[in-house]
Amino acid sequence: PVVLVQHDQVKSEILKQNALSFLINSCQQFDHRSKRLLLESLGSMTFDQEAARLLRDNQPFMQSMEEMQKTADNGLQKAAEKIM
């Protein structure tokens, strides 16, 4: 899944379909492995300016990423760091 998000066309489609907001809001409901994969995908999205702005503007999400950097296991920490 992370490989797909590295393609600009896929990033654009995610933004066009307003799926980024859905993914951000759904993140806390996923199990550990799914959450790590989602966060890694979101980290790949940060190379798109619009996606980075949407992530940055979502303060609750960014606060959860800051907290995850401090308390989560190594895989989730790295994914949160990539987003930050």
N, C-alpha and C. Protein backbone atom coordinates (compact mmCIF):
# COMPACT_ATOMS: atom_id res chain seq x y z
N PRO A 1 0.81 -1.20 0.00
CA PRO A 1 0.00 0.00 0.00
C PRO A 1 0.86 1.27 0.00
N VAL A 2 1.96 1.28 0.72
CA VAL A 2 2.79 2.46 0.81
C VAL A 2 3.40 2.77 -0.56
N VAL A 3 3.74 1.75 -1.31
CA VAL A 3 4.34 1.94 -2.63
C VAL A 3 3.36 2.68 -3.55
N LEU A 4 2.09 2.36 -3.47
CA LEU A 4 1.10 3.03 -4.32
C LEU A 4 1.04 4.52 -4.05
N VAL A 5 1.16 4.91 -2.80
CA VAL A 5 1.03 6.31 -2.43
C VAL A 5 2.24 7.12 -2.89
N GLN A 6 3.30 6.47 -3.29
CA GLN A 6 4.47 7.18 -3.77
C GLN A 6 4.26 7.73 -5.18
N HIS A 7 3.24 7.29 -5.88
CA HIS A 7 2.96 7.76 -7.23
C HIS A 7 2.12 9.04 -7.16
N ASP A 8 2.55 10.06 -7.89
CA ASP A 8 1.87 11.35 -7.85
C ASP A 8 0.40 11.27 -8.24
N GLN A 9 0.08 10.42 -9.21
CA GLN A 9 -1.31 10.28 -9.63
C GLN A 9 -2.18 9.76 -8.49
N VAL A 10 -1.66 8.83 -7.73
CA VAL A 10 -2.43 8.27 -6.61
C VAL A 10 -2.60 9.33 -5.53
N LYS A 11 -1.54 10.07 -5.23
CA LYS A 11 -1.64 11.16 -4.25
C LYS A 11 -2.70 12.16 -4.67
N SER A 12 -2.67 12.54 -5.94
CA SER A 12 -3.64 13.51 -6.45
C SER A 12 -5.06 12.99 -6.33
N GLU A 13 -5.25 11.72 -6.62
CA GLU A 13 -6.59 11.14 -6.54
C GLU A 13 -7.07 11.07 -5.09
N ILE A 14 -6.19 10.74 -4.19
CA ILE A 14 -6.55 10.72 -2.76
C ILE A 14 -7.02 12.09 -2.32
N LEU A 15 -6.30 13.13 -2.74
CA LEU A 15 -6.68 14.49 -2.39
C LEU A 15 -7.98 14.89 -3.07
N LYS A 16 -8.13 14.54 -4.34
CA LYS A 16 -9.32 14.91 -5.10
C LYS A 16 -10.57 14.27 -4.49
N GLN A 17 -10.45 13.05 -4.03
CA GLN A 17 -11.59 12.33 -3.46
C GLN A 17 -11.82 12.67 -1.98
N ASN A 18 -11.02 13.58 -1.44
CA ASN A 18 -11.10 13.97 -0.03
C ASN A 18 -10.88 12.77 0.90
N ALA A 19 -10.11 11.81 0.42
CA ALA A 19 -9.85 10.60 1.21
C ALA A 19 -8.82 10.84 2.30
N LEU A 20 -8.00 11.87 2.15
CA LEU A 20 -6.98 12.12 3.17
C LEU A 20 -7.63 12.42 4.52
N SER A 21 -8.65 13.23 4.52
CA SER A 21 -9.37 13.53 5.77
C SER A 21 -9.96 12.27 6.37
N PHE A 22 -10.54 11.44 5.53
CA PHE A 22 -11.10 10.17 6.00
C PHE A 22 -10.02 9.31 6.65
N LEU A 23 -8.86 9.20 6.00
CA LEU A 23 -7.77 8.39 6.53
C LEU A 23 -7.25 8.94 7.86
N ILE A 24 -7.10 10.25 7.93
CA ILE A 24 -6.65 10.88 9.17
C ILE A 24 -7.62 10.59 10.30
N ASN A 25 -8.91 10.76 10.03
CA ASN A 25 -9.93 10.57 11.06
C ASN A 25 -10.11 9.10 11.44
N SER A 26 -9.78 8.20 10.55
CA SER A 26 -9.94 6.77 10.82
C SER A 26 -8.73 6.15 11.52
N CYS A 27 -7.65 6.84 11.54
CA CYS A 27 -6.38 6.30 12.01
C CYS A 27 -6.47 5.66 13.39
N GLN A 28 -7.14 6.32 14.32
CA GLN A 28 -7.19 5.83 15.70
C GLN A 28 -8.00 4.55 15.85
N GLN A 29 -8.80 4.22 14.85
CA GLN A 29 -9.65 3.03 14.94
C GLN A 29 -8.96 1.76 14.45
N PHE A 30 -7.78 1.89 13.86
CA PHE A 30 -7.09 0.75 13.28
C PHE A 30 -6.27 0.00 14.33
N ASP A 31 -6.04 -1.28 14.06
CA ASP A 31 -5.15 -2.04 14.92
C ASP A 31 -3.71 -1.60 14.65
N HIS A 32 -2.79 -2.11 15.44
CA HIS A 32 -1.40 -1.65 15.40
C HIS A 32 -0.79 -1.74 14.01
N ARG A 33 -0.88 -2.88 13.37
CA ARG A 33 -0.26 -3.08 12.06
C ARG A 33 -0.89 -2.17 11.01
N SER A 34 -2.21 -2.11 11.00
CA SER A 34 -2.91 -1.26 10.03
C SER A 34 -2.59 0.20 10.25
N LYS A 35 -2.50 0.61 11.52
CA LYS A 35 -2.17 1.99 11.83
C LYS A 35 -0.76 2.33 11.35
N ARG A 36 0.17 1.42 11.54
CA ARG A 36 1.55 1.66 11.09
C ARG A 36 1.59 1.81 9.57
N LEU A 37 0.89 0.93 8.85
CA LEU A 37 0.84 1.02 7.40
C LEU A 37 0.19 2.33 6.93
N LEU A 38 -0.88 2.71 7.60
CA LEU A 38 -1.55 3.96 7.25
C LEU A 38 -0.63 5.15 7.49
N LEU A 39 0.04 5.17 8.64
CA LEU A 39 0.93 6.28 8.95
C LEU A 39 2.11 6.33 7.99
N GLU A 40 2.62 5.19 7.59
CA GLU A 40 3.70 5.17 6.59
C GLU A 40 3.19 5.74 5.27
N SER A 41 1.97 5.41 4.90
CA SER A 41 1.38 5.95 3.68
C SER A 41 1.18 7.46 3.79
N LEU A 42 0.69 7.91 4.93
CA LEU A 42 0.51 9.35 5.14
C LEU A 42 1.86 10.06 5.11
N GLY A 43 2.89 9.41 5.63
CA GLY A 43 4.22 9.99 5.56
C GLY A 43 4.67 10.19 4.13
N SER A 44 4.33 9.26 3.26
CA SER A 44 4.66 9.41 1.84
C SER A 44 3.87 10.54 1.21
N MET A 45 2.69 10.79 1.73
CA MET A 45 1.85 11.88 1.21
C MET A 45 2.42 13.25 1.54
N THR A 46 3.27 13.35 2.54
CA THR A 46 3.78 14.66 2.96
C THR A 46 4.64 15.32 1.90
N PHE A 47 5.06 14.59 0.89
CA PHE A 47 5.84 15.18 -0.19
C PHE A 47 4.97 16.00 -1.14
N ASP A 48 3.67 15.85 -1.03
CA ASP A 48 2.72 16.66 -1.78
C ASP A 48 2.37 17.87 -0.91
N GLN A 49 2.52 19.08 -1.43
CA GLN A 49 2.31 20.29 -0.63
C GLN A 49 0.91 20.38 -0.05
N GLU A 50 -0.09 20.06 -0.85
CA GLU A 50 -1.47 20.14 -0.36
C GLU A 50 -1.72 19.11 0.74
N ALA A 51 -1.22 17.91 0.56
CA ALA A 51 -1.38 16.87 1.58
C ALA A 51 -0.66 17.28 2.86
N ALA A 52 0.55 17.80 2.73
CA ALA A 52 1.31 18.24 3.90
C ALA A 52 0.56 19.33 4.64
N ARG A 53 -0.04 20.26 3.91
CA ARG A 53 -0.81 21.34 4.54
C ARG A 53 -2.02 20.78 5.29
N LEU A 54 -2.73 19.84 4.66
CA LEU A 54 -3.91 19.25 5.32
C LEU A 54 -3.52 18.51 6.60
N LEU A 55 -2.42 17.79 6.54
CA LEU A 55 -1.96 17.08 7.74
C LEU A 55 -1.57 18.09 8.82
N ARG A 56 -0.78 19.07 8.44
CA ARG A 56 -0.28 20.07 9.39
C ARG A 56 -1.43 20.86 10.03
N ASP A 57 -2.48 21.13 9.26
CA ASP A 57 -3.61 21.92 9.76
C ASP A 57 -4.52 21.14 10.69
N ASN A 58 -4.37 19.83 10.73
CA ASN A 58 -5.20 19.00 11.61
C ASN A 58 -4.48 18.87 12.96
N GLN A 59 -4.74 19.82 13.84
CA GLN A 59 -4.02 19.87 15.11
C GLN A 59 -4.20 18.62 15.98
N PRO A 60 -5.40 18.07 16.10
CA PRO A 60 -5.52 16.84 16.91
C PRO A 60 -4.66 15.70 16.37
N PHE A 61 -4.63 15.57 15.06
CA PHE A 61 -3.82 14.52 14.45
C PHE A 61 -2.34 14.78 14.72
N MET A 62 -1.89 16.02 14.53
CA MET A 62 -0.49 16.34 14.74
C MET A 62 -0.10 16.14 16.22
N GLN A 63 -0.99 16.46 17.12
CA GLN A 63 -0.72 16.23 18.54
C GLN A 63 -0.58 14.73 18.82
N SER A 64 -1.41 13.92 18.16
CA SER A 64 -1.30 12.48 18.36
C SER A 64 0.02 11.96 17.78
N MET A 65 0.50 12.58 16.70
CA MET A 65 1.80 12.18 16.13
C MET A 65 2.94 12.55 17.09
N GLU A 66 2.85 13.73 17.71
CA GLU A 66 3.85 14.13 18.69
C GLU A 66 3.88 13.15 19.86
N GLU A 67 2.70 12.78 20.33
CA GLU A 67 2.61 11.83 21.45
C GLU A 67 3.15 10.46 21.04
N MET A 68 2.83 10.04 19.83
CA MET A 68 3.28 8.74 19.33
C MET A 68 4.80 8.69 19.23
N GLN A 69 5.42 9.81 18.90
CA GLN A 69 6.87 9.87 18.83
C GLN A 69 7.50 9.58 20.19
N LYS A 70 6.80 9.90 21.25
CA LYS A 70 7.33 9.73 22.61
C LYS A 70 7.00 8.38 23.22
N THR A 71 5.84 7.83 22.86
CA THR A 71 5.35 6.68 23.62
C THR A 71 5.16 5.39 22.83
N ALA A 72 5.08 5.48 21.53
CA ALA A 72 4.74 4.28 20.73
C ALA A 72 5.97 3.41 20.52
N ASP A 73 5.72 2.20 20.01
CA ASP A 73 6.84 1.31 19.69
C ASP A 73 7.61 1.87 18.50
N ASN A 74 8.71 1.26 18.19
CA ASN A 74 9.64 1.76 17.18
C ASN A 74 9.00 1.98 15.81
N GLY A 75 8.17 1.05 15.35
CA GLY A 75 7.55 1.17 14.03
C GLY A 75 6.61 2.37 13.95
N LEU A 76 5.78 2.55 14.96
CA LEU A 76 4.87 3.69 14.97
C LEU A 76 5.63 4.99 15.20
N GLN A 77 6.68 4.96 16.02
CA GLN A 77 7.49 6.16 16.23
C GLN A 77 8.09 6.65 14.93
N LYS A 78 8.67 5.74 14.17
CA LYS A 78 9.29 6.12 12.89
C LYS A 78 8.26 6.68 11.92
N ALA A 79 7.09 6.07 11.87
CA ALA A 79 6.04 6.55 10.98
C ALA A 79 5.58 7.95 11.40
N ALA A 80 5.43 8.17 12.71
CA ALA A 80 5.03 9.49 13.20
C ALA A 80 6.11 10.52 12.92
N GLU A 81 7.37 10.14 13.08
CA GLU A 81 8.48 11.06 12.80
C GLU A 81 8.48 11.47 11.32
N LYS A 82 8.19 10.55 10.46
CA LYS A 82 8.16 10.85 9.02
C LYS A 82 7.07 11.88 8.71
N ILE A 83 5.95 11.76 9.39
CA ILE A 83 4.87 12.72 9.19
C ILE A 83 5.23 14.09 9.75
N MET A 84 5.87 14.09 10.89
CA MET A 84 6.25 15.36 11.52
C MET A 84 7.31 16.06 10.70
